[in-house]
Amino acid sequence: MTLSTREADAAFADVVYADQQWVDAEFDALISASFSEPPAPPPPAPPRVPPQPGNPFPPSRRLPPGPAAVTSPANGPDHGRQRSPPAHPLAGRRAAAHAP
């Protein structure tokens, strides 16, 4: 008689779970062996090293005090329109090929 994997697994589970006291004792043993002590603390962070002379410090993450940031570009000769992304390289060729 050949058992499928599922049938063999079910038969094994039936044998294991037949003795609830044994299951509880094994569970308690696993938990006490695995969690008898709290985990070790993480290693300390590496020390912060100042930059070499001549290298600027990295920019601060805090915004400088002052007026709020401008959310839209200013109008005028120095500020043109924002460009669109470039067209797909084949889009121009297809349009030219289908033109009457």
PDB file of N, CA and C in Angstrom:
ATOM      1  N   MET A   1       0.851  -1.175   0.000  1.00  0.00           N
ATOM      2  CA  MET A   1       0.000   0.000   0.000  1.00  0.00           C
ATOM      3  C   MET A   1       0.893   1.233   0.000  1.00  0.00           C
ATOM      4  N   THR A   2       0.668   2.111  -0.945  1.00  0.00           N
ATOM      5  CA  THR A   2       1.448   3.326  -1.074  1.00  0.00           C
ATOM      6  C   THR A   2       0.606   4.504  -0.594  1.00  0.00           C
ATOM      7  N   LEU A   3       1.198   5.307   0.314  1.00  0.00           N
ATOM      8  CA  LEU A   3       0.507   6.486   0.824  1.00  0.00           C
ATOM      9  C   LEU A   3       1.003   7.724   0.086  1.00  0.00           C
ATOM     10  N   SER A   4       0.099   8.638  -0.179  1.00  0.00           N
ATOM     11  CA  SER A   4       0.517   9.905  -0.762  1.00  0.00           C
ATOM     12  C   SER A   4       1.197  10.725   0.338  1.00  0.00           C
ATOM     13  N   THR A   5       1.877  11.758  -0.065  1.00  0.00           N
ATOM     14  CA  THR A   5       2.557  12.627   0.902  1.00  0.00           C
ATOM     15  C   THR A   5       1.552  13.230   1.877  1.00  0.00           C
ATOM     16  N   ARG A   6       0.429  13.643   1.370  1.00  0.00           N
ATOM     17  CA  ARG A   6      -0.598  14.250   2.228  1.00  0.00           C
ATOM     18  C   ARG A   6      -1.120  13.224   3.244  1.00  0.00           C
ATOM     19  N   GLU A   7      -1.355  12.001   2.809  1.00  0.00           N
ATOM     20  CA  GLU A   7      -1.846  10.964   3.721  1.00  0.00           C
ATOM     21  C   GLU A   7      -0.785  10.609   4.756  1.00  0.00           C
ATOM     22  N   ALA A   8       0.483  10.553   4.339  1.00  0.00           N
ATOM     23  CA  ALA A   8       1.559  10.249   5.277  1.00  0.00           C
ATOM     24  C   ALA A   8       1.699  11.366   6.312  1.00  0.00           C
ATOM     25  N   ASP A   9       1.598  12.613   5.866  1.00  0.00           N
ATOM     26  CA  ASP A   9       1.672  13.744   6.794  1.00  0.00           C
ATOM     27  C   ASP A   9       0.520  13.715   7.788  1.00  0.00           C
ATOM     28  N   ALA A  10      -0.661  13.395   7.313  1.00  0.00           N
ATOM     29  CA  ALA A  10      -1.828  13.329   8.203  1.00  0.00           C
ATOM     30  C   ALA A  10      -1.668  12.207   9.220  1.00  0.00           C
ATOM     31  N   ALA A  11      -1.139  11.051   8.782  1.00  0.00           N
ATOM     32  CA  ALA A  11      -0.940   9.931   9.706  1.00  0.00           C
ATOM     33  C   ALA A  11       0.108  10.289  10.759  1.00  0.00           C
ATOM     34  N   PHE A  12       1.173  10.963  10.358  1.00  0.00           N
ATOM     35  CA  PHE A  12       2.205  11.386  11.311  1.00  0.00           C
ATOM     36  C   PHE A  12       1.638  12.380  12.315  1.00  0.00           C
ATOM     37  N   ALA A  13       0.863  13.350  11.832  1.00  0.00           N
ATOM     38  CA  ALA A  13       0.245  14.329  12.737  1.00  0.00           C
ATOM     39  C   ALA A  13      -0.683  13.634  13.728  1.00  0.00           C
ATOM     40  N   ASP A  14      -1.417  12.631  13.281  1.00  0.00           N
ATOM     41  CA  ASP A  14      -2.304  11.894  14.194  1.00  0.00           C
ATOM     42  C   ASP A  14      -1.503  11.232  15.314  1.00  0.00           C
ATOM     43  N   VAL A  15      -0.353  10.657  14.978  1.00  0.00           N
ATOM     44  CA  VAL A  15       0.487  10.002  15.997  1.00  0.00           C
ATOM     45  C   VAL A  15       1.032  11.043  16.966  1.00  0.00           C
ATOM     46  N   VAL A  16       1.510  12.165  16.429  1.00  0.00           N
ATOM     47  CA  VAL A  16       2.107  13.194  17.286  1.00  0.00           C
ATOM     48  C   VAL A  16       1.065  13.793  18.222  1.00  0.00           C
ATOM     49  N   TYR A  17      -0.084  14.149  17.691  1.00  0.00           N
ATOM     50  CA  TYR A  17      -1.100  14.820  18.496  1.00  0.00           C
ATOM     51  C   TYR A  17      -1.921  13.870  19.368  1.00  0.00           C
ATOM     52  N   ALA A  18      -1.667  12.582  19.282  1.00  0.00           N
ATOM     53  CA  ALA A  18      -2.421  11.627  20.103  1.00  0.00           C
ATOM     54  C   ALA A  18      -2.097  11.794  21.588  1.00  0.00           C
ATOM     55  N   ASP A  19      -0.892  12.250  21.912  1.00  0.00           N
ATOM     56  CA  ASP A  19      -0.481  12.420  23.310  1.00  0.00           C
ATOM     57  C   ASP A  19      -0.294  13.915  23.578  1.00  0.00           C
ATOM     58  N   GLN A  20      -1.337  14.570  24.047  1.00  0.00           N
ATOM     59  CA  GLN A  20      -1.309  16.015  24.260  1.00  0.00           C
ATOM     60  C   GLN A  20      -0.281  16.407  25.324  1.00  0.00           C
ATOM     61  N   GLN A  21      -0.078  15.572  26.355  1.00  0.00           N
ATOM     62  CA  GLN A  21       0.927  15.888  27.378  1.00  0.00           C
ATOM     63  C   GLN A  21       2.325  15.934  26.761  1.00  0.00           C
ATOM     64  N   TRP A  22       2.608  15.001  25.863  1.00  0.00           N
ATOM     65  CA  TRP A  22       3.910  14.985  25.201  1.00  0.00           C
ATOM     66  C   TRP A  22       4.084  16.235  24.331  1.00  0.00           C
ATOM     67  N   VAL A  23       3.035  16.616  23.601  1.00  0.00           N
ATOM     68  CA  VAL A  23       3.093  17.815  22.756  1.00  0.00           C
ATOM     69  C   VAL A  23       3.369  19.041  23.616  1.00  0.00           C
ATOM     70  N   ASP A  24       2.663  19.167  24.746  1.00  0.00           N
ATOM     71  CA  ASP A  24       2.866  20.311  25.634  1.00  0.00           C
ATOM     72  C   ASP A  24       4.279  20.329  26.204  1.00  0.00           C
ATOM     73  N   ALA A  25       4.798  19.165  26.607  1.00  0.00           N
ATOM     74  CA  ALA A  25       6.149  19.087  27.167  1.00  0.00           C
ATOM     75  C   ALA A  25       7.183  19.472  26.113  1.00  0.00           C
ATOM     76  N   GLU A  26       7.028  19.007  24.881  1.00  0.00           N
ATOM     77  CA  GLU A  26       7.964  19.352  23.817  1.00  0.00           C
ATOM     78  C   GLU A  26       7.910  20.844  23.490  1.00  0.00           C
ATOM     79  N   PHE A  27       6.706  21.392  23.457  1.00  0.00           N
ATOM     80  CA  PHE A  27       6.553  22.817  23.180  1.00  0.00           C
ATOM     81  C   PHE A  27       7.238  23.641  24.265  1.00  0.00           C
ATOM     82  N   ASP A  28       6.993  23.295  25.521  1.00  0.00           N
ATOM     83  CA  ASP A  28       7.618  24.021  26.625  1.00  0.00           C
ATOM     84  C   ASP A  28       9.142  23.914  26.563  1.00  0.00           C
ATOM     85  N   ALA A  29       9.663  22.737  26.214  1.00  0.00           N
ATOM     86  CA  ALA A  29      11.116  22.553  26.114  1.00  0.00           C
ATOM     87  C   ALA A  29      11.692  23.416  24.989  1.00  0.00           C
ATOM     88  N   LEU A  30      11.010  23.471  23.856  1.00  0.00           N
ATOM     89  CA  LEU A  30      11.484  24.292  22.741  1.00  0.00           C
ATOM     90  C   LEU A  30      11.481  25.775  23.110  1.00  0.00           C
ATOM     91  N   ILE A  31      10.424  26.225  23.745  1.00  0.00           N
ATOM     92  CA  ILE A  31      10.321  27.635  24.112  1.00  0.00           C
ATOM     93  C   ILE A  31      11.381  27.996  25.144  1.00  0.00           C
ATOM     94  N   SER A  32      11.575  27.174  26.152  1.00  0.00           N
ATOM     95  CA  SER A  32      12.559  27.506  27.184  1.00  0.00           C
ATOM     96  C   SER A  32      13.976  27.458  26.619  1.00  0.00           C
ATOM     97  N   ALA A  33      14.247  26.570  25.677  1.00  0.00           N
ATOM     98  CA  ALA A  33      15.572  26.503  25.076  1.00  0.00           C
ATOM     99  C   ALA A  33      15.822  27.694  24.151  1.00  0.00           C
ATOM    100  N   SER A  34      14.796  28.159  23.477  1.00  0.00           N
ATOM    101  CA  SER A  34      14.962  29.231  22.509  1.00  0.00           C
ATOM    102  C   SER A  34      14.901  30.616  23.130  1.00  0.00           C
ATOM    103  N   PHE A  35      14.142  30.756  24.194  1.00  0.00           N
ATOM    104  CA  PHE A  35      13.899  32.084  24.751  1.00  0.00           C
ATOM    105  C   PHE A  35      14.301  32.174  26.215  1.00  0.00           C
ATOM    106  N   SER A  36      15.368  31.492  26.607  1.00  0.00           N
ATOM    107  CA  SER A  36      15.761  31.537  28.005  1.00  0.00           C
ATOM    108  C   SER A  36      16.393  32.869  28.367  1.00  0.00           C
ATOM    109  N   GLU A  37      17.021  33.555  27.405  1.00  0.00           N
ATOM    110  CA  GLU A  37      17.649  34.840  27.656  1.00  0.00           C
ATOM    111  C   GLU A  37      17.155  35.846  26.632  1.00  0.00           C
ATOM    112  N   PRO A  38      17.161  37.115  27.004  1.00  0.00           N
ATOM    113  CA  PRO A  38      16.793  38.115  25.997  1.00  0.00           C
ATOM    114  C   PRO A  38      17.880  38.184  24.926  1.00  0.00           C
ATOM    115  N   PRO A  39      17.536  38.666  23.752  1.00  0.00           N
ATOM    116  CA  PRO A  39      18.536  38.744  22.687  1.00  0.00           C
ATOM    117  C   PRO A  39      19.656  39.719  23.063  1.00  0.00           C
ATOM    118  N   ALA A  40      20.808  39.506  22.486  1.00  0.00           N
ATOM    119  CA  ALA A  40      21.956  40.372  22.747  1.00  0.00           C
ATOM    120  C   ALA A  40      21.679  41.759  22.167  1.00  0.00           C
ATOM    121  N   PRO A  41      22.202  42.798  22.818  1.00  0.00           N
ATOM    122  CA  PRO A  41      21.984  44.147  22.281  1.00  0.00           C
ATOM    123  C   PRO A  41      22.738  44.313  20.968  1.00  0.00           C
ATOM    124  N   PRO A  42      22.274  45.204  20.113  1.00  0.00           N
ATOM    125  CA  PRO A  42      22.967  45.415  18.840  1.00  0.00           C
ATOM    126  C   PRO A  42      24.339  46.033  19.090  1.00  0.00           C
ATOM    127  N   PRO A  43      25.269  45.848  18.168  1.00  0.00           N
ATOM    128  CA  PRO A  43      26.594  46.442  18.351  1.00  0.00           C
ATOM    129  C   PRO A  43      26.496  47.965  18.296  1.00  0.00           C
ATOM    130  N   PRO A  44      27.434  48.653  18.929  1.00  0.00           N
ATOM    131  CA  PRO A  44      27.369  50.123  18.911  1.00  0.00           C
ATOM    132  C   PRO A  44      27.597  50.658  17.492  1.00  0.00           C
ATOM    133  N   ALA A  45      27.057  51.828  17.250  1.00  0.00           N
ATOM    134  CA  ALA A  45      27.210  52.466  15.939  1.00  0.00           C
ATOM    135  C   ALA A  45      28.663  52.885  15.768  1.00  0.00           C
ATOM    136  N   PRO A  46      29.157  52.901  14.532  1.00  0.00           N
ATOM    137  CA  PRO A  46      30.534  53.343  14.329  1.00  0.00           C
ATOM    138  C   PRO A  46      30.672  54.812  14.705  1.00  0.00           C
ATOM    139  N   PRO A  47      31.846  55.220  15.135  1.00  0.00           N
ATOM    140  CA  PRO A  47      32.021  56.625  15.538  1.00  0.00           C
ATOM    141  C   PRO A  47      31.892  57.542  14.330  1.00  0.00           C
ATOM    142  N   ARG A  48      31.427  58.752  14.588  1.00  0.00           N
ATOM    143  CA  ARG A  48      31.317  59.751  13.526  1.00  0.00           C
ATOM    144  C   ARG A  48      32.683  60.391  13.350  1.00  0.00           C
ATOM    145  N   VAL A  49      33.141  60.412  12.132  1.00  0.00           N
ATOM    146  CA  VAL A  49      34.450  60.965  11.829  1.00  0.00           C
ATOM    147  C   VAL A  49      34.238  62.280  11.094  1.00  0.00           C
ATOM    148  N   PRO A  50      34.898  63.367  11.560  1.00  0.00           N
ATOM    149  CA  PRO A  50      34.734  64.628  10.828  1.00  0.00           C
ATOM    150  C   PRO A  50      35.390  64.529   9.457  1.00  0.00           C
ATOM    151  N   PRO A  51      34.918  65.313   8.482  1.00  0.00           N
ATOM    152  CA  PRO A  51      35.500  65.246   7.143  1.00  0.00           C
ATOM    153  C   PRO A  51      36.949  65.737   7.159  1.00  0.00           C
ATOM    154  N   GLN A  52      37.691  65.344   6.149  1.00  0.00           N
ATOM    155  CA  GLN A  52      39.084  65.769   6.003  1.00  0.00           C
ATOM    156  C   GLN A  52      39.127  67.282   5.794  1.00  0.00           C
ATOM    157  N   PRO A  53      40.223  67.931   6.164  1.00  0.00           N
ATOM    158  CA  PRO A  53      40.332  69.385   5.928  1.00  0.00           C
ATOM    159  C   PRO A  53      40.123  69.703   4.446  1.00  0.00           C
ATOM    160  N   GLY A  54      39.359  70.735   4.190  1.00  0.00           N
ATOM    161  CA  GLY A  54      39.077  71.128   2.818  1.00  0.00           C
ATOM    162  C   GLY A  54      37.766  70.568   2.293  1.00  0.00           C
ATOM    163  N   ASN A  55      37.235  69.520   2.931  1.00  0.00           N
ATOM    164  CA  ASN A  55      35.940  68.962   2.525  1.00  0.00           C
ATOM    165  C   ASN A  55      34.850  69.628   3.358  1.00  0.00           C
ATOM    166  N   PRO A  56      33.797  70.119   2.723  1.00  0.00           N
ATOM    167  CA  PRO A  56      32.729  70.757   3.508  1.00  0.00           C
ATOM    168  C   PRO A  56      31.916  69.706   4.254  1.00  0.00           C
ATOM    169  N   PHE A  57      31.279  70.181   5.312  1.00  0.00           N
ATOM    170  CA  PHE A  57      30.383  69.307   6.059  1.00  0.00           C
ATOM    171  C   PHE A  57      29.161  68.991   5.200  1.00  0.00           C
ATOM    172  N   PRO A  58      28.513  67.842   5.408  1.00  0.00           N
ATOM    173  CA  PRO A  58      27.296  67.559   4.638  1.00  0.00           C
ATOM    174  C   PRO A  58      26.213  68.566   5.005  1.00  0.00           C
ATOM    175  N   PRO A  59      25.292  68.842   4.072  1.00  0.00           N
ATOM    176  CA  PRO A  59      24.255  69.837   4.350  1.00  0.00           C
ATOM    177  C   PRO A  59      23.363  69.387   5.503  1.00  0.00           C
ATOM    178  N   SER A  60      22.879  70.380   6.229  1.00  0.00           N
ATOM    179  CA  SER A  60      21.987  70.113   7.352  1.00  0.00           C
ATOM    180  C   SER A  60      20.638  69.651   6.834  1.00  0.00           C
ATOM    181  N   ARG A  61      19.962  68.829   7.569  1.00  0.00           N
ATOM    182  CA  ARG A  61      18.621  68.376   7.170  1.00  0.00           C
ATOM    183  C   ARG A  61      17.549  69.380   7.571  1.00  0.00           C
ATOM    184  N   ARG A  62      17.888  70.295   8.443  1.00  0.00           N
ATOM    185  CA  ARG A  62      16.907  71.295   8.869  1.00  0.00           C
ATOM    186  C   ARG A  62      16.898  72.454   7.889  1.00  0.00           C
ATOM    187  N   LEU A  63      15.714  73.009   7.652  1.00  0.00           N
ATOM    188  CA  LEU A  63      15.602  74.174   6.790  1.00  0.00           C
ATOM    189  C   LEU A  63      16.007  75.405   7.578  1.00  0.00           C
ATOM    190  N   PRO A  64      16.678  76.353   6.933  1.00  0.00           N
ATOM    191  CA  PRO A  64      17.043  77.576   7.638  1.00  0.00           C
ATOM    192  C   PRO A  64      15.796  78.380   7.960  1.00  0.00           C
ATOM    193  N   PRO A  65      15.827  79.135   9.067  1.00  0.00           N
ATOM    194  CA  PRO A  65      14.650  79.947   9.392  1.00  0.00           C
ATOM    195  C   PRO A  65      14.486  81.043   8.351  1.00  0.00           C
ATOM    196  N   GLY A  66      13.251  81.372   8.051  1.00  0.00           N
ATOM    197  CA  GLY A  66      12.994  82.422   7.080  1.00  0.00           C
ATOM    198  C   GLY A  66      11.655  82.203   6.419  1.00  0.00           C
ATOM    199  N   PRO A  67      11.425  82.880   5.305  1.00  0.00           N
ATOM    200  CA  PRO A  67      10.131  82.730   4.628  1.00  0.00           C
ATOM    201  C   PRO A  67       9.959  81.323   4.076  1.00  0.00           C
ATOM    202  N   ALA A  68       8.718  80.956   3.886  1.00  0.00           N
ATOM    203  CA  ALA A  68       8.402  79.623   3.368  1.00  0.00           C
ATOM    204  C   ALA A  68       8.959  79.480   1.958  1.00  0.00           C
ATOM    205  N   ALA A  69       9.224  78.245   1.574  1.00  0.00           N
ATOM    206  CA  ALA A  69       9.771  77.974   0.243  1.00  0.00           C
ATOM    207  C   ALA A  69       8.742  78.325  -0.821  1.00  0.00           C
ATOM    208  N   VAL A  70       9.221  78.811  -1.958  1.00  0.00           N
ATOM    209  CA  VAL A  70       8.353  79.145  -3.079  1.00  0.00           C
ATOM    210  C   VAL A  70       7.930  77.837  -3.740  1.00  0.00           C
ATOM    211  N   THR A  71       6.637  77.660  -3.968  1.00  0.00           N
ATOM    212  CA  THR A  71       6.153  76.408  -4.538  1.00  0.00           C
ATOM    213  C   THR A  71       5.990  76.475  -6.054  1.00  0.00           C
ATOM    214  N   SER A  72       5.951  77.680  -6.641  1.00  0.00           N
ATOM    215  CA  SER A  72       5.834  77.789  -8.093  1.00  0.00           C
ATOM    216  C   SER A  72       6.952  78.695  -8.593  1.00  0.00           C
ATOM    217  N   PRO A  73       7.437  78.480  -9.822  1.00  0.00           N
ATOM    218  CA  PRO A  73       8.531  79.307 -10.322  1.00  0.00           C
ATOM    219  C   PRO A  73       8.071  80.739 -10.551  1.00  0.00           C
ATOM    220  N   ALA A  74       8.992  81.665 -10.402  1.00  0.00           N
ATOM    221  CA  ALA A  74       8.675  83.074 -10.619  1.00  0.00           C
ATOM    222  C   ALA A  74       8.520  83.321 -12.121  1.00  0.00           C
ATOM    223  N   ASN A  75       7.715  84.313 -12.468  1.00  0.00           N
ATOM    224  CA  ASN A  75       7.526  84.684 -13.868  1.00  0.00           C
ATOM    225  C   ASN A  75       8.565  85.730 -14.234  1.00  0.00           C
ATOM    226  N   GLY A  76       8.988  85.738 -15.470  1.00  0.00           N
ATOM    227  CA  GLY A  76       9.939  86.742 -15.912  1.00  0.00           C
ATOM    228  C   GLY A  76      10.843  86.170 -16.976  1.00  0.00           C
ATOM    229  N   PRO A  77      11.740  86.986 -17.492  1.00  0.00           N
ATOM    230  CA  PRO A  77      12.583  86.539 -18.599  1.00  0.00           C
ATOM    231  C   PRO A  77      13.563  85.434 -18.206  1.00  0.00           C
ATOM    232  N   ASP A  78      13.945  85.358 -16.958  1.00  0.00           N
ATOM    233  CA  ASP A  78      14.908  84.345 -16.535  1.00  0.00           C
ATOM    234  C   ASP A  78      14.269  82.997 -16.229  1.00  0.00           C
ATOM    235  N   HIS A  79      12.955  82.945 -16.186  1.00  0.00           N
ATOM    236  CA  HIS A  79      12.262  81.712 -15.798  1.00  0.00           C
ATOM    237  C   HIS A  79      11.327  81.285 -16.914  1.00  0.00           C
ATOM    238  N   GLY A  80      11.772  80.377 -17.770  1.00  0.00           N
ATOM    239  CA  GLY A  80      10.955  79.900 -18.878  1.00  0.00           C
ATOM    240  C   GLY A  80      10.014  78.802 -18.412  1.00  0.00           C
ATOM    241  N   ARG A  81       9.245  78.308 -19.365  1.00  0.00           N
ATOM    242  CA  ARG A  81       8.326  77.213 -19.063  1.00  0.00           C
ATOM    243  C   ARG A  81       9.099  75.954 -18.744  1.00  0.00           C
ATOM    244  N   GLN A  82       8.487  75.104 -17.960  1.00  0.00           N
ATOM    245  CA  GLN A  82       9.087  73.797 -17.696  1.00  0.00           C
ATOM    246  C   GLN A  82       8.906  72.939 -18.929  1.00  0.00           C
ATOM    247  N   ARG A  83       9.960  72.230 -19.306  1.00  0.00           N
ATOM    248  CA  ARG A  83       9.910  71.404 -20.503  1.00  0.00           C
ATOM    249  C   ARG A  83       9.192  70.100 -20.228  1.00  0.00           C
ATOM    250  N   SER A  84       8.575  69.585 -21.272  1.00  0.00           N
ATOM    251  CA  SER A  84       7.967  68.256 -21.210  1.00  0.00           C
ATOM    252  C   SER A  84       9.057  67.216 -21.406  1.00  0.00           C
ATOM    253  N   PRO A  85       8.809  65.975 -20.998  1.00  0.00           N
ATOM    254  CA  PRO A  85       9.805  64.938 -21.274  1.00  0.00           C
ATOM    255  C   PRO A  85       9.923  64.724 -22.774  1.00  0.00           C
ATOM    256  N   PRO A  86      11.079  64.271 -23.239  1.00  0.00           N
ATOM    257  CA  PRO A  86      11.241  64.068 -24.686  1.00  0.00           C
ATOM    258  C   PRO A  86      10.291  62.997 -25.201  1.00  0.00           C
ATOM    259  N   ALA A  87       9.905  63.141 -26.444  1.00  0.00           N
ATOM    260  CA  ALA A  87       9.010  62.160 -27.069  1.00  0.00           C
ATOM    261  C   ALA A  87       9.774  60.868 -27.288  1.00  0.00           C
ATOM    262  N   HIS A  88       9.061  59.792 -27.404  1.00  0.00           N
ATOM    263  CA  HIS A  88       9.673  58.493 -27.682  1.00  0.00           C
ATOM    264  C   HIS A  88      10.379  58.602 -29.029  1.00  0.00           C
ATOM    265  N   PRO A  89      11.600  58.065 -29.168  1.00  0.00           N
ATOM    266  CA  PRO A  89      12.341  58.248 -30.425  1.00  0.00           C
ATOM    267  C   PRO A  89      11.626  57.705 -31.655  1.00  0.00           C
ATOM    268  N   LEU A  90      10.802  56.690 -31.506  1.00  0.00           N
ATOM    269  CA  LEU A  90      10.109  56.127 -32.664  1.00  0.00           C
ATOM    270  C   LEU A  90       8.806  56.850 -32.963  1.00  0.00           C
ATOM    271  N   ALA A  91       8.315  57.683 -32.031  1.00  0.00           N
ATOM    272  CA  ALA A  91       7.026  58.341 -32.228  1.00  0.00           C
ATOM    273  C   ALA A  91       7.075  59.283 -33.424  1.00  0.00           C
ATOM    274  N   GLY A  92       8.148  60.029 -33.591  1.00  0.00           N
ATOM    275  CA  GLY A  92       8.267  60.953 -34.730  1.00  0.00           C
ATOM    276  C   GLY A  92       8.328  60.228 -36.042  1.00  0.00           C
ATOM    277  N   ARG A  93       9.029  59.096 -36.086  1.00  0.00           N
ATOM    278  CA  ARG A  93       9.129  58.322 -37.328  1.00  0.00           C
ATOM    279  C   ARG A  93       7.784  57.718 -37.723  1.00  0.00           C
ATOM    280  N   ARG A  94       7.052  57.232 -36.735  1.00  0.00           N
ATOM    281  CA  ARG A  94       5.737  56.636 -37.039  1.00  0.00           C
ATOM    282  C   ARG A  94       4.775  57.696 -37.570  1.00  0.00           C
ATOM    283  N   ALA A  95       4.790  58.880 -36.952  1.00  0.00           N
ATOM    284  CA  ALA A  95       3.891  59.943 -37.392  1.00  0.00           C
ATOM    285  C   ALA A  95       4.247  60.359 -38.816  1.00  0.00           C
ATOM    286  N   ALA A  96       5.538  60.434 -39.124  1.00  0.00           N
ATOM    287  CA  ALA A  96       5.958  60.817 -40.476  1.00  0.00           C
ATOM    288  C   ALA A  96       5.600  59.743 -41.498  1.00  0.00           C
ATOM    289  N   ALA A  97       5.671  58.491 -41.109  1.00  0.00           N
ATOM    290  CA  ALA A  97       5.356  57.398 -42.033  1.00  0.00           C
ATOM    291  C   ALA A  97       3.869  57.342 -42.336  1.00  0.00           C
ATOM    292  N   HIS A  98       3.017  57.728 -41.400  1.00  0.00           N
ATOM    293  CA  HIS A  98       1.560  57.666 -41.588  1.00  0.00           C
ATOM    294  C   HIS A  98       0.978  58.970 -42.103  1.00  0.00           C
ATOM    295  N   ALA A  99       1.790  59.996 -42.300  1.00  0.00           N
ATOM    296  CA  ALA A  99       1.265  61.283 -42.774  1.00  0.00           C
ATOM    297  C   ALA A  99       0.868  61.176 -44.244  1.00  0.00           C
ATOM    298  N   PRO A 100      -0.236  61.835 -44.669  1.00  0.00           N
ATOM    299  CA  PRO A 100      -0.663  61.757 -46.067  1.00  0.00           C
ATOM    300  C   PRO A 100       0.192  62.559 -46.982  1.00  0.00           C
TER     301      PRO A 100
END
